Amino acid sequence: MKLSSKEQFDALLAGNKPVVVDFFATWCGPCKMFAPTFEAAAEKHDDIEFLKVDVDEFEDLAVSLGISYVPTIMLFKGGEKIDYFVGPKKEEDFEAFLKQAL
């Protein structure tokens, strides 16, 4: 799902499910390369919330979380940042990253 408001972000983090956030930019080539991997994982894991955040649209949020490169993928659990990585990953590497959420 694509972020529509800061309130939506806060509500998802306050929820019971782990949240994986893809901070991306529409002009970013590596972001476009990673998008199919992210979307496939979102379809596969209904026990995790997947969220895409356009850093140009939500610049204040990106800055507050220290995002300086895109794509940056962050994993939140219980409202706390658990882990993150920068740059696209292969599907198997992304799946290994997601195991932390479960």
PDB file of N, CA and C in Angstrom:
ATOM      1  N   MET A   1       0.843  -1.174   0.000  1.00  0.00           N
ATOM      2  CA  MET A   1       0.000   0.000   0.000  1.00  0.00           C
ATOM      3  C   MET A   1       0.888   1.236   0.000  1.00  0.00           C
ATOM      4  N   LYS A   2       0.449   2.265  -0.659  1.00  0.00           N
ATOM      5  CA  LYS A   2       1.196   3.517  -0.714  1.00  0.00           C
ATOM      6  C   LYS A   2       0.692   4.435   0.394  1.00  0.00           C
ATOM      7  N   LEU A   3       1.636   5.072   1.071  1.00  0.00           N
ATOM      8  CA  LEU A   3       1.291   5.960   2.179  1.00  0.00           C
ATOM      9  C   LEU A   3       0.482   7.151   1.684  1.00  0.00           C
ATOM     10  N   SER A   4      -0.595   7.459   2.417  1.00  0.00           N
ATOM     11  CA  SER A   4      -1.422   8.605   2.054  1.00  0.00           C
ATOM     12  C   SER A   4      -1.339   9.731   3.076  1.00  0.00           C
ATOM     13  N   SER A   5      -0.871   9.429   4.306  1.00  0.00           N
ATOM     14  CA  SER A   5      -0.752  10.478   5.326  1.00  0.00           C
ATOM     15  C   SER A   5       0.198  10.030   6.433  1.00  0.00           C
ATOM     16  N   LYS A   6       0.741  10.980   7.155  1.00  0.00           N
ATOM     17  CA  LYS A   6       1.603  10.684   8.310  1.00  0.00           C
ATOM     18  C   LYS A   6       0.795   9.933   9.366  1.00  0.00           C
ATOM     19  N   GLU A   7      -0.480  10.274   9.500  1.00  0.00           N
ATOM     20  CA  GLU A   7      -1.355   9.605  10.465  1.00  0.00           C
ATOM     21  C   GLU A   7      -1.495   8.115  10.128  1.00  0.00           C
ATOM     22  N   GLN A   8      -1.590   7.805   8.845  1.00  0.00           N
ATOM     23  CA  GLN A   8      -1.663   6.410   8.417  1.00  0.00           C
ATOM     24  C   GLN A   8      -0.382   5.673   8.824  1.00  0.00           C
ATOM     25  N   PHE A   9       0.767   6.310   8.642  1.00  0.00           N
ATOM     26  CA  PHE A   9       2.054   5.719   9.030  1.00  0.00           C
ATOM     27  C   PHE A   9       2.063   5.416  10.525  1.00  0.00           C
ATOM     28  N   ASP A  10       1.679   6.402  11.323  1.00  0.00           N
ATOM     29  CA  ASP A  10       1.656   6.224  12.781  1.00  0.00           C
ATOM     30  C   ASP A  10       0.698   5.112  13.197  1.00  0.00           C
ATOM     31  N   ALA A  11      -0.465   5.045  12.548  1.00  0.00           N
ATOM     32  CA  ALA A  11      -1.461   4.021  12.883  1.00  0.00           C
ATOM     33  C   ALA A  11      -0.947   2.621  12.550  1.00  0.00           C
ATOM     34  N   LEU A  12      -0.284   2.472  11.410  1.00  0.00           N
ATOM     35  CA  LEU A  12       0.259   1.165  11.041  1.00  0.00           C
ATOM     36  C   LEU A  12       1.337   0.722  12.021  1.00  0.00           C
ATOM     37  N   LEU A  13       2.210   1.645  12.416  1.00  0.00           N
ATOM     38  CA  LEU A  13       3.266   1.302  13.369  1.00  0.00           C
ATOM     39  C   LEU A  13       2.695   0.945  14.731  1.00  0.00           C
ATOM     40  N   ALA A  14       1.568   1.537  15.090  1.00  0.00           N
ATOM     41  CA  ALA A  14       0.933   1.260  16.381  1.00  0.00           C
ATOM     42  C   ALA A  14       0.134  -0.046  16.361  1.00  0.00           C
ATOM     43  N   GLY A  15      -0.059  -0.614  15.168  1.00  0.00           N
ATOM     44  CA  GLY A  15      -0.842  -1.842  15.046  1.00  0.00           C
ATOM     45  C   GLY A  15      -0.081  -3.063  15.530  1.00  0.00           C
ATOM     46  N   ASN A  16      -0.727  -4.214  15.424  1.00  0.00           N
ATOM     47  CA  ASN A  16      -0.160  -5.472  15.919  1.00  0.00           C
ATOM     48  C   ASN A  16       0.791  -6.151  14.946  1.00  0.00           C
ATOM     49  N   LYS A  17       0.665  -5.843  13.662  1.00  0.00           N
ATOM     50  CA  LYS A  17       1.498  -6.509  12.660  1.00  0.00           C
ATOM     51  C   LYS A  17       2.847  -5.804  12.509  1.00  0.00           C
ATOM     52  N   PRO A  18       3.900  -6.561  12.170  1.00  0.00           N
ATOM     53  CA  PRO A  18       5.155  -5.921  11.775  1.00  0.00           C
ATOM     54  C   PRO A  18       4.908  -5.113  10.499  1.00  0.00           C
ATOM     55  N   VAL A  19       5.696  -4.067  10.300  1.00  0.00           N
ATOM     56  CA  VAL A  19       5.537  -3.195   9.137  1.00  0.00           C
ATOM     57  C   VAL A  19       6.874  -3.092   8.410  1.00  0.00           C
ATOM     58  N   VAL A  20       6.854  -3.341   7.104  1.00  0.00           N
ATOM     59  CA  VAL A  20       8.030  -3.167   6.259  1.00  0.00           C
ATOM     60  C   VAL A  20       7.745  -1.977   5.357  1.00  0.00           C
ATOM     61  N   VAL A  21       8.645  -0.991   5.405  1.00  0.00           N
ATOM     62  CA  VAL A  21       8.438   0.254   4.671  1.00  0.00           C
ATOM     63  C   VAL A  21       9.510   0.412   3.602  1.00  0.00           C
ATOM     64  N   ASP A  22       9.074   0.647   2.379  1.00  0.00           N
ATOM     65  CA  ASP A  22       9.959   0.923   1.252  1.00  0.00           C
ATOM     66  C   ASP A  22       9.945   2.429   1.020  1.00  0.00           C
ATOM     67  N   PHE A  23      11.032   3.096   1.411  1.00  0.00           N
ATOM     68  CA  PHE A  23      11.192   4.521   1.133  1.00  0.00           C
ATOM     69  C   PHE A  23      11.810   4.623  -0.255  1.00  0.00           C
ATOM     70  N   PHE A  24      11.067   5.217  -1.188  1.00  0.00           N
ATOM     71  CA  PHE A  24      11.473   5.236  -2.587  1.00  0.00           C
ATOM     72  C   PHE A  24      11.267   6.624  -3.181  1.00  0.00           C
ATOM     73  N   ALA A  25      11.731   6.788  -4.422  1.00  0.00           N
ATOM     74  CA  ALA A  25      11.461   7.999  -5.198  1.00  0.00           C
ATOM     75  C   ALA A  25      11.067   7.564  -6.605  1.00  0.00           C
ATOM     76  N   THR A  26      10.163   8.291  -7.218  1.00  0.00           N
ATOM     77  CA  THR A  26       9.667   7.914  -8.543  1.00  0.00           C
ATOM     78  C   THR A  26      10.761   7.996  -9.604  1.00  0.00           C
ATOM     79  N   TRP A  27      11.776   8.817  -9.381  1.00  0.00           N
ATOM     80  CA  TRP A  27      12.856   9.011 -10.346  1.00  0.00           C
ATOM     81  C   TRP A  27      14.015   8.035 -10.143  1.00  0.00           C
ATOM     82  N   CYS A  28      13.934   7.167  -9.151  1.00  0.00           N
ATOM     83  CA  CYS A  28      15.041   6.298  -8.726  1.00  0.00           C
ATOM     84  C   CYS A  28      15.032   4.967  -9.477  1.00  0.00           C
ATOM     85  N   GLY A  29      16.063   4.713 -10.278  1.00  0.00           N
ATOM     86  CA  GLY A  29      16.182   3.459 -11.021  1.00  0.00           C
ATOM     87  C   GLY A  29      16.234   2.222 -10.135  1.00  0.00           C
ATOM     88  N   PRO A  30      17.117   2.191  -9.113  1.00  0.00           N
ATOM     89  CA  PRO A  30      17.159   1.027  -8.229  1.00  0.00           C
ATOM     90  C   PRO A  30      15.828   0.780  -7.506  1.00  0.00           C
ATOM     91  N   CYS A  31      15.087   1.847  -7.220  1.00  0.00           N
ATOM     92  CA  CYS A  31      13.763   1.691  -6.593  1.00  0.00           C
ATOM     93  C   CYS A  31      12.827   0.941  -7.531  1.00  0.00           C
ATOM     94  N   LYS A  32      12.872   1.293  -8.808  1.00  0.00           N
ATOM     95  CA  LYS A  32      12.021   0.627  -9.796  1.00  0.00           C
ATOM     96  C   LYS A  32      12.422  -0.839  -9.962  1.00  0.00           C
ATOM     97  N   MET A  33      13.733  -1.123  -9.847  1.00  0.00           N
ATOM     98  CA  MET A  33      14.210  -2.503  -9.945  1.00  0.00           C
ATOM     99  C   MET A  33      13.700  -3.348  -8.779  1.00  0.00           C
ATOM    100  N   PHE A  34      13.635  -2.751  -7.582  1.00  0.00           N
ATOM    101  CA  PHE A  34      13.245  -3.488  -6.385  1.00  0.00           C
ATOM    102  C   PHE A  34      11.727  -3.619  -6.243  1.00  0.00           C
ATOM    103  N   ALA A  35      10.964  -2.751  -6.874  1.00  0.00           N
ATOM    104  CA  ALA A  35       9.505  -2.718  -6.702  1.00  0.00           C
ATOM    105  C   ALA A  35       8.828  -4.075  -6.917  1.00  0.00           C
ATOM    106  N   PRO A  36       9.144  -4.834  -7.976  1.00  0.00           N
ATOM    107  CA  PRO A  36       8.470  -6.134  -8.146  1.00  0.00           C
ATOM    108  C   PRO A  36       8.758  -7.117  -7.003  1.00  0.00           C
ATOM    109  N   THR A  37       9.966  -7.085  -6.461  1.00  0.00           N
ATOM    110  CA  THR A  37      10.323  -7.953  -5.333  1.00  0.00           C
ATOM    111  C   THR A  37       9.499  -7.585  -4.109  1.00  0.00           C
ATOM    112  N   PHE A  38       9.383  -6.281  -3.846  1.00  0.00           N
ATOM    113  CA  PHE A  38       8.619  -5.787  -2.703  1.00  0.00           C
ATOM    114  C   PHE A  38       7.144  -6.166  -2.843  1.00  0.00           C
ATOM    115  N   GLU A  39       6.602  -5.959  -4.041  1.00  0.00           N
ATOM    116  CA  GLU A  39       5.183  -6.244  -4.280  1.00  0.00           C
ATOM    117  C   GLU A  39       4.883  -7.742  -4.191  1.00  0.00           C
ATOM    118  N   ALA A  40       5.799  -8.582  -4.673  1.00  0.00           N
ATOM    119  CA  ALA A  40       5.605 -10.032  -4.587  1.00  0.00           C
ATOM    120  C   ALA A  40       5.609 -10.484  -3.129  1.00  0.00           C
ATOM    121  N   ALA A  41       6.501  -9.921  -2.327  1.00  0.00           N
ATOM    122  CA  ALA A  41       6.556 -10.269  -0.903  1.00  0.00           C
ATOM    123  C   ALA A  41       5.281  -9.822  -0.197  1.00  0.00           C
ATOM    124  N   ALA A  42       4.760  -8.661  -0.576  1.00  0.00           N
ATOM    125  CA  ALA A  42       3.530  -8.152   0.039  1.00  0.00           C
ATOM    126  C   ALA A  42       2.358  -9.098  -0.227  1.00  0.00           C
ATOM    127  N   GLU A  43       2.310  -9.668  -1.421  1.00  0.00           N
ATOM    128  CA  GLU A  43       1.237 -10.612  -1.751  1.00  0.00           C
ATOM    129  C   GLU A  43       1.405 -11.927  -0.997  1.00  0.00           C
ATOM    130  N   LYS A  44       2.632 -12.302  -0.738  1.00  0.00           N
ATOM    131  CA  LYS A  44       2.944 -13.587  -0.108  1.00  0.00           C
ATOM    132  C   LYS A  44       2.756 -13.572   1.409  1.00  0.00           C
ATOM    133  N   HIS A  45       3.011 -12.429   2.050  1.00  0.00           N
ATOM    134  CA  HIS A  45       3.015 -12.335   3.517  1.00  0.00           C
ATOM    135  C   HIS A  45       1.858 -11.465   4.009  1.00  0.00           C
ATOM    136  N   ASP A  46       0.716 -12.076   4.278  1.00  0.00           N
ATOM    137  CA  ASP A  46      -0.400 -11.279   4.789  1.00  0.00           C
ATOM    138  C   ASP A  46      -0.297 -11.050   6.296  1.00  0.00           C
ATOM    139  N   ASP A  47       0.747 -11.592   6.913  1.00  0.00           N
ATOM    140  CA  ASP A  47       0.986 -11.374   8.339  1.00  0.00           C
ATOM    141  C   ASP A  47       1.922 -10.190   8.594  1.00  0.00           C
ATOM    142  N   ILE A  48       2.303  -9.496   7.523  1.00  0.00           N
ATOM    143  CA  ILE A  48       3.165  -8.312   7.602  1.00  0.00           C
ATOM    144  C   ILE A  48       2.504  -7.203   6.795  1.00  0.00           C
ATOM    145  N   GLU A  49       2.532  -5.974   7.322  1.00  0.00           N
ATOM    146  CA  GLU A  49       2.058  -4.809   6.560  1.00  0.00           C
ATOM    147  C   GLU A  49       3.209  -4.311   5.686  1.00  0.00           C
ATOM    148  N   PHE A  50       2.936  -4.066   4.420  1.00  0.00           N
ATOM    149  CA  PHE A  50       3.927  -3.526   3.494  1.00  0.00           C
ATOM    150  C   PHE A  50       3.470  -2.137   3.075  1.00  0.00           C
ATOM    151  N   LEU A  51       4.379  -1.182   3.169  1.00  0.00           N
ATOM    152  CA  LEU A  51       4.034   0.211   2.907  1.00  0.00           C
ATOM    153  C   LEU A  51       5.101   0.851   2.041  1.00  0.00           C
ATOM    154  N   LYS A  52       4.683   1.593   1.028  1.00  0.00           N
ATOM    155  CA  LYS A  52       5.604   2.345   0.181  1.00  0.00           C
ATOM    156  C   LYS A  52       5.452   3.831   0.508  1.00  0.00           C
ATOM    157  N   VAL A  53       6.606   4.493   0.738  1.00  0.00           N
ATOM    158  CA  VAL A  53       6.603   5.909   1.081  1.00  0.00           C
ATOM    159  C   VAL A  53       7.453   6.663   0.068  1.00  0.00           C
ATOM    160  N   ASP A  54       6.825   7.560  -0.674  1.00  0.00           N
ATOM    161  CA  ASP A  54       7.526   8.421  -1.628  1.00  0.00           C
ATOM    162  C   ASP A  54       8.237   9.517  -0.834  1.00  0.00           C
ATOM    163  N   VAL A  55       9.581   9.512  -0.866  1.00  0.00           N
ATOM    164  CA  VAL A  55      10.350  10.457  -0.046  1.00  0.00           C
ATOM    165  C   VAL A  55      10.177  11.900  -0.503  1.00  0.00           C
ATOM    166  N   ASP A  56       9.802  12.106  -1.755  1.00  0.00           N
ATOM    167  CA  ASP A  56       9.562  13.472  -2.223  1.00  0.00           C
ATOM    168  C   ASP A  56       8.221  13.994  -1.722  1.00  0.00           C
ATOM    169  N   GLU A  57       7.280  13.096  -1.537  1.00  0.00           N
ATOM    170  CA  GLU A  57       5.954  13.465  -1.044  1.00  0.00           C
ATOM    171  C   GLU A  57       5.932  13.601   0.482  1.00  0.00           C
ATOM    172  N   PHE A  58       6.720  12.769   1.165  1.00  0.00           N
ATOM    173  CA  PHE A  58       6.771  12.764   2.634  1.00  0.00           C
ATOM    174  C   PHE A  58       8.200  13.023   3.105  1.00  0.00           C
ATOM    175  N   GLU A  59       8.729  14.154   2.668  1.00  0.00           N
ATOM    176  CA  GLU A  59      10.121  14.504   2.959  1.00  0.00           C
ATOM    177  C   GLU A  59      10.387  14.619   4.457  1.00  0.00           C
ATOM    178  N   ASP A  60       9.474  15.235   5.205  1.00  0.00           N
ATOM    179  CA  ASP A  60       9.670  15.393   6.654  1.00  0.00           C
ATOM    180  C   ASP A  60       9.778  14.038   7.350  1.00  0.00           C
ATOM    181  N   LEU A  61       8.955  13.093   6.960  1.00  0.00           N
ATOM    182  CA  LEU A  61       8.997  11.756   7.541  1.00  0.00           C
ATOM    183  C   LEU A  61      10.330  11.081   7.215  1.00  0.00           C
ATOM    184  N   ALA A  62      10.748  11.176   5.960  1.00  0.00           N
ATOM    185  CA  ALA A  62      12.012  10.567   5.546  1.00  0.00           C
ATOM    186  C   ALA A  62      13.184  11.168   6.320  1.00  0.00           C
ATOM    187  N   VAL A  63      13.201  12.474   6.466  1.00  0.00           N
ATOM    188  CA  VAL A  63      14.276  13.144   7.204  1.00  0.00           C
ATOM    189  C   VAL A  63      14.260  12.717   8.667  1.00  0.00           C
ATOM    190  N   SER A  64      13.075  12.648   9.267  1.00  0.00           N
ATOM    191  CA  SER A  64      12.981  12.287  10.687  1.00  0.00           C
ATOM    192  C   SER A  64      13.480  10.867  10.953  1.00  0.00           C
ATOM    193  N   LEU A  65      13.433  10.007   9.932  1.00  0.00           N
ATOM    194  CA  LEU A  65      13.903   8.628  10.082  1.00  0.00           C
ATOM    195  C   LEU A  65      15.325   8.435   9.551  1.00  0.00           C
ATOM    196  N   GLY A  66      15.954   9.534   9.130  1.00  0.00           N
ATOM    197  CA  GLY A  66      17.342   9.467   8.687  1.00  0.00           C
ATOM    198  C   GLY A  66      17.542   8.862   7.308  1.00  0.00           C
ATOM    199  N   ILE A  67      16.527   8.935   6.466  1.00  0.00           N
ATOM    200  CA  ILE A  67      16.645   8.387   5.115  1.00  0.00           C
ATOM    201  C   ILE A  67      17.491   9.333   4.276  1.00  0.00           C
ATOM    202  N   SER A  68      18.630   8.836   3.777  1.00  0.00           N
ATOM    203  CA  SER A  68      19.468   9.674   2.924  1.00  0.00           C
ATOM    204  C   SER A  68      19.713   9.040   1.560  1.00  0.00           C
ATOM    205  N   TYR A  69      19.343   7.774   1.401  1.00  0.00           N
ATOM    206  CA  TYR A  69      19.465   7.076   0.123  1.00  0.00           C
ATOM    207  C   TYR A  69      18.183   6.298  -0.136  1.00  0.00           C
ATOM    208  N   VAL A  70      17.855   6.146  -1.424  1.00  0.00           N
ATOM    209  CA  VAL A  70      16.698   5.338  -1.797  1.00  0.00           C
ATOM    210  C   VAL A  70      17.141   4.265  -2.777  1.00  0.00           C
ATOM    211  N   PRO A  71      16.534   3.108  -2.743  1.00  0.00           N
ATOM    212  CA  PRO A  71      15.538   2.736  -1.750  1.00  0.00           C
ATOM    213  C   PRO A  71      16.165   2.386  -0.399  1.00  0.00           C
ATOM    214  N   THR A  72      15.481   2.753   0.659  1.00  0.00           N
ATOM    215  CA  THR A  72      15.799   2.284   2.008  1.00  0.00           C
ATOM    216  C   THR A  72      14.583   1.513   2.494  1.00  0.00           C
ATOM    217  N   ILE A  73      14.821   0.305   2.957  1.00  0.00           N
ATOM    218  CA  ILE A  73      13.746  -0.554   3.445  1.00  0.00           C
ATOM    219  C   ILE A  73      13.907  -0.684   4.948  1.00  0.00           C
ATOM    220  N   MET A  74      12.861  -0.358   5.696  1.00  0.00           N
ATOM    221  CA  MET A  74      12.893  -0.438   7.157  1.00  0.00           C
ATOM    222  C   MET A  74      11.854  -1.427   7.657  1.00  0.00           C
ATOM    223  N   LEU A  75      12.237  -2.142   8.706  1.00  0.00           N
ATOM    224  CA  LEU A  75      11.348  -3.088   9.367  1.00  0.00           C
ATOM    225  C   LEU A  75      11.029  -2.560  10.756  1.00  0.00           C
ATOM    226  N   PHE A  76       9.735  -2.420  11.044  1.00  0.00           N
ATOM    227  CA  PHE A  76       9.260  -1.966  12.350  1.00  0.00           C
ATOM    228  C   PHE A  76       8.461  -3.090  12.997  1.00  0.00           C
ATOM    229  N   LYS A  77       8.654  -3.262  14.293  1.00  0.00           N
ATOM    230  CA  LYS A  77       7.896  -4.253  15.052  1.00  0.00           C
ATOM    231  C   LYS A  77       7.585  -3.630  16.407  1.00  0.00           C
ATOM    232  N   GLY A  78       6.314  -3.644  16.787  1.00  0.00           N
ATOM    233  CA  GLY A  78       5.928  -3.016  18.045  1.00  0.00           C
ATOM    234  C   GLY A  78       6.207  -1.524  18.052  1.00  0.00           C
ATOM    235  N   GLY A  79       6.162  -0.904  16.869  1.00  0.00           N
ATOM    236  CA  GLY A  79       6.397   0.529  16.751  1.00  0.00           C
ATOM    237  C   GLY A  79       7.860   0.934  16.740  1.00  0.00           C
ATOM    238  N   GLU A  80       8.774  -0.025  16.894  1.00  0.00           N
ATOM    239  CA  GLU A  80      10.210   0.269  16.943  1.00  0.00           C
ATOM    240  C   GLU A  80      10.897  -0.226  15.672  1.00  0.00           C
ATOM    241  N   LYS A  81      11.900   0.545  15.221  1.00  0.00           N
ATOM    242  CA  LYS A  81      12.689   0.111  14.068  1.00  0.00           C
ATOM    243  C   LYS A  81      13.572  -1.057  14.502  1.00  0.00           C
ATOM    244  N   ILE A  82      13.453  -2.181  13.811  1.00  0.00           N
ATOM    245  CA  ILE A  82      14.209  -3.391  14.120  1.00  0.00           C
ATOM    246  C   ILE A  82      15.457  -3.493  13.248  1.00  0.00           C
ATOM    247  N   ASP A  83      15.308  -3.194  11.957  1.00  0.00           N
ATOM    248  CA  ASP A  83      16.416  -3.335  11.020  1.00  0.00           C
ATOM    249  C   ASP A  83      16.097  -2.540   9.763  1.00  0.00           C
ATOM    250  N   TYR A  84      17.111  -2.370   8.928  1.00  0.00           N
ATOM    251  CA  TYR A  84      16.917  -1.695   7.645  1.00  0.00           C
ATOM    252  C   TYR A  84      18.036  -2.093   6.692  1.00  0.00           C
ATOM    253  N   PHE A  85      17.827  -1.822   5.421  1.00  0.00           N
ATOM    254  CA  PHE A  85      18.901  -1.948   4.435  1.00  0.00           C
ATOM    255  C   PHE A  85      18.687  -0.897   3.363  1.00  0.00           C
ATOM    256  N   VAL A  86      19.767  -0.618   2.641  1.00  0.00           N
ATOM    257  CA  VAL A  86      19.747   0.385   1.582  1.00  0.00           C
ATOM    258  C   VAL A  86      20.087  -0.305   0.267  1.00  0.00           C
ATOM    259  N   GLY A  87      19.339   0.027  -0.777  1.00  0.00           N
ATOM    260  CA  GLY A  87      19.581  -0.552  -2.093  1.00  0.00           C
ATOM    261  C   GLY A  87      18.702  -1.763  -2.332  1.00  0.00           C
ATOM    262  N   PRO A  88      18.556  -2.134  -3.607  1.00  0.00           N
ATOM    263  CA  PRO A  88      17.704  -3.277  -3.930  1.00  0.00           C
ATOM    264  C   PRO A  88      18.336  -4.589  -3.478  1.00  0.00           C
ATOM    265  N   LYS A  89      17.505  -5.563  -3.184  1.00  0.00           N
ATOM    266  CA  LYS A  89      17.959  -6.912  -2.811  1.00  0.00           C
ATOM    267  C   LYS A  89      17.288  -7.933  -3.726  1.00  0.00           C
ATOM    268  N   LYS A  90      17.939  -9.079  -3.859  1.00  0.00           N
ATOM    269  CA  LYS A  90      17.322 -10.196  -4.572  1.00  0.00           C
ATOM    270  C   LYS A  90      16.190 -10.740  -3.711  1.00  0.00           C
ATOM    271  N   GLU A  91      15.273 -11.449  -4.356  1.00  0.00           N
ATOM    272  CA  GLU A  91      14.096 -11.966  -3.648  1.00  0.00           C
ATOM    273  C   GLU A  91      14.483 -12.831  -2.449  1.00  0.00           C
ATOM    274  N   GLU A  92      15.452 -13.734  -2.614  1.00  0.00           N
ATOM    275  CA  GLU A  92      15.821 -14.625  -1.507  1.00  0.00           C
ATOM    276  C   GLU A  92      16.453 -13.855  -0.345  1.00  0.00           C
ATOM    277  N   ASP A  93      17.211 -12.804  -0.655  1.00  0.00           N
ATOM    278  CA  ASP A  93      17.807 -11.983   0.404  1.00  0.00           C
ATOM    279  C   ASP A  93      16.734 -11.171   1.130  1.00  0.00           C
ATOM    280  N   PHE A  94      15.749 -10.683   0.383  1.00  0.00           N
ATOM    281  CA  PHE A  94      14.656  -9.930   0.995  1.00  0.00           C
ATOM    282  C   PHE A  94      13.821 -10.849   1.887  1.00  0.00           C
ATOM    283  N   GLU A  95      13.590 -12.077   1.443  1.00  0.00           N
ATOM    284  CA  GLU A  95      12.842 -13.038   2.259  1.00  0.00           C
ATOM    285  C   GLU A  95      13.580 -13.324   3.570  1.00  0.00           C
ATOM    286  N   ALA A  96      14.900 -13.435   3.512  1.00  0.00           N
ATOM    287  CA  ALA A  96      15.693 -13.654   4.732  1.00  0.00           C
ATOM    288  C   ALA A  96      15.550 -12.462   5.675  1.00  0.00           C
ATOM    289  N   PHE A  97      15.546 -11.248   5.117  1.00  0.00           N
ATOM    290  CA  PHE A  97      15.346 -10.030   5.905  1.00  0.00           C
ATOM    291  C   PHE A  97      13.978 -10.059   6.588  1.00  0.00           C
ATOM    292  N   LEU A  98      12.961 -10.503   5.865  1.00  0.00           N
ATOM    293  CA  LEU A  98      11.590 -10.518   6.390  1.00  0.00           C
ATOM    294  C   LEU A  98      11.401 -11.512   7.531  1.00  0.00           C
ATOM    295  N   LYS A  99      12.228 -12.528   7.614  1.00  0.00           N
ATOM    296  CA  LYS A  99      12.090 -13.533   8.682  1.00  0.00           C
ATOM    297  C   LYS A  99      12.213 -12.897  10.061  1.00  0.00           C
ATOM    298  N   GLN A 100      12.904 -11.771  10.158  1.00  0.00           N
ATOM    299  CA  GLN A 100      13.023 -11.059  11.432  1.00  0.00           C
ATOM    300  C   GLN A 100      11.667 -10.562  11.921  1.00  0.00           C
ATOM    301  N   ALA A 101      10.753 -10.352  10.991  1.00  0.00           N
ATOM    302  CA  ALA A 101       9.442  -9.803  11.335  1.00  0.00           C
ATOM    303  C   ALA A 101       8.534 -10.854  11.959  1.00  0.00           C
ATOM    304  N   LEU A 102       8.821 -12.109  11.702  1.00  0.00           N
ATOM    305  CA  LEU A 102       7.906 -13.180  12.111  1.00  0.00           C
ATOM    306  C   LEU A 102       8.281 -13.815  13.428  1.00  0.00           C
TER     307      LEU A 102
END
